[in-house]
Amino acid sequence: MASLFRSLGGLAATLLLAGLPASAGSATADSIIDRENALQEATRQVPEGATVTGSRCQEIVMPGDSFRYRCSVEFTTQPPAAQPAP
């Protein structure tokens, strides 16, 4: 019974958030070159017109003492403003 209430609560929260005008997303990219390259690649995946709200990167140690860099960029999008009727 408790799991049913949790499910209904999650559904209600999802429906409430669905009505909001902005949406959020993220893009992730890896690079063997350097951190900056991974960040640039992730940023290229952000939709046009979106606002970047944050980023995070991690360095992953690979076999043979090499590294891989993984960066994620968070963004929000806004729907286009309504055009007034002439």
Protein backbone atom coordinates (compact mmCIF):
# COMPACT_ATOMS: atom_id res chain seq x y z
CA MET A 1 0.00 0.00 0.00
CA ALA A 2 2.84 2.41 0.87
CA SER A 3 4.48 1.81 -2.53
CA LEU A 4 1.19 2.71 -4.23
CA PHE A 5 1.16 6.08 -2.46
CA ARG A 6 4.80 6.67 -3.42
CA SER A 7 3.97 5.86 -7.04
CA LEU A 8 1.00 8.20 -7.02
CA GLY A 9 3.11 10.93 -5.43
CA GLY A 10 5.75 10.52 -8.13
CA LEU A 11 3.07 10.64 -10.82
CA ALA A 12 1.59 13.82 -9.34
CA ALA A 13 5.03 15.46 -9.23
CA THR A 14 5.70 14.47 -12.84
CA LEU A 15 2.38 15.93 -13.98
CA LEU A 16 3.04 19.18 -12.12
CA LEU A 17 6.52 19.51 -13.62
CA ALA A 18 5.21 18.76 -17.10
CA GLY A 19 3.25 22.01 -17.06
CA LEU A 20 6.32 24.17 -16.44
CA PRO A 21 7.51 26.25 -19.39
CA ALA A 22 11.22 25.37 -19.12
CA SER A 23 12.82 21.97 -19.37
CA ALA A 24 16.22 20.76 -18.30
CA GLY A 25 18.68 18.37 -19.81
CA SER A 26 22.30 17.39 -19.92
CA ALA A 27 24.91 16.37 -22.45
CA THR A 28 27.97 14.22 -21.75
CA ALA A 29 31.14 13.64 -23.74
CA ASP A 30 34.44 11.80 -23.25
CA SER A 31 37.91 12.71 -24.50
CA ILE A 32 41.33 11.09 -24.35
CA ILE A 33 42.96 14.44 -25.18
CA ASP A 34 42.17 16.61 -22.15
CA ARG A 35 39.43 17.92 -19.88
CA GLU A 36 38.83 21.05 -21.99
CA ASN A 37 38.22 18.94 -25.10
CA ALA A 38 35.62 16.82 -23.29
CA LEU A 39 33.90 19.97 -22.00
CA GLN A 40 33.84 21.51 -25.49
CA GLU A 41 32.38 18.32 -26.99
CA ALA A 42 29.63 18.19 -24.34
CA THR A 43 28.83 21.88 -24.88
CA ARG A 44 28.45 21.30 -28.64
CA GLN A 45 25.57 18.93 -27.85
CA VAL A 46 23.55 21.63 -26.04
CA PRO A 47 20.52 22.63 -28.14
CA GLU A 48 20.62 26.03 -29.82
CA GLY A 49 19.04 28.69 -27.61
CA ALA A 50 19.48 26.67 -24.41
CA THR A 51 21.11 28.19 -21.32
CA VAL A 52 24.01 26.29 -19.74
CA THR A 53 23.40 26.08 -15.99
CA GLY A 54 26.40 24.05 -14.88
CA SER A 55 29.06 21.53 -15.73
CA ARG A 56 31.14 18.84 -14.09
CA CYS A 57 34.12 16.80 -15.20
CA GLN A 58 35.90 13.72 -13.96
CA GLU A 59 39.22 12.14 -14.77
CA ILE A 60 39.05 8.38 -15.31
CA VAL A 61 42.26 6.35 -14.94
CA MET A 62 42.62 3.80 -17.71
CA PRO A 63 44.98 0.80 -17.92
CA GLY A 64 48.55 1.73 -18.79
CA ASP A 65 48.48 4.96 -16.77
CA SER A 66 46.44 6.82 -19.38
CA PHE A 67 43.43 9.00 -18.67
CA ARG A 68 39.98 9.59 -20.11
CA TYR A 69 38.08 12.76 -19.31
CA ARG A 70 34.29 12.78 -19.01
CA CYS A 71 32.37 16.06 -18.80
CA SER A 72 28.65 16.75 -18.49
CA VAL A 73 26.94 20.06 -19.16
CA GLU A 74 23.51 20.82 -17.68
CA PHE A 75 21.16 23.17 -19.52
CA THR A 76 17.62 24.54 -19.55
CA THR A 77 15.45 25.34 -22.53
CA GLN A 78 12.60 27.81 -22.80
CA PRO A 79 9.82 27.52 -25.38
CA PRO A 80 9.63 30.44 -27.82
CA ALA A 81 7.58 33.37 -26.56
CA ALA A 82 4.09 33.65 -27.99
CA GLN A 83 3.82 36.18 -30.79
CA PRO A 84 1.02 38.75 -30.31
CA ALA A 85 -1.67 38.74 -32.99
CA PRO A 86 -1.42 41.66 -35.45
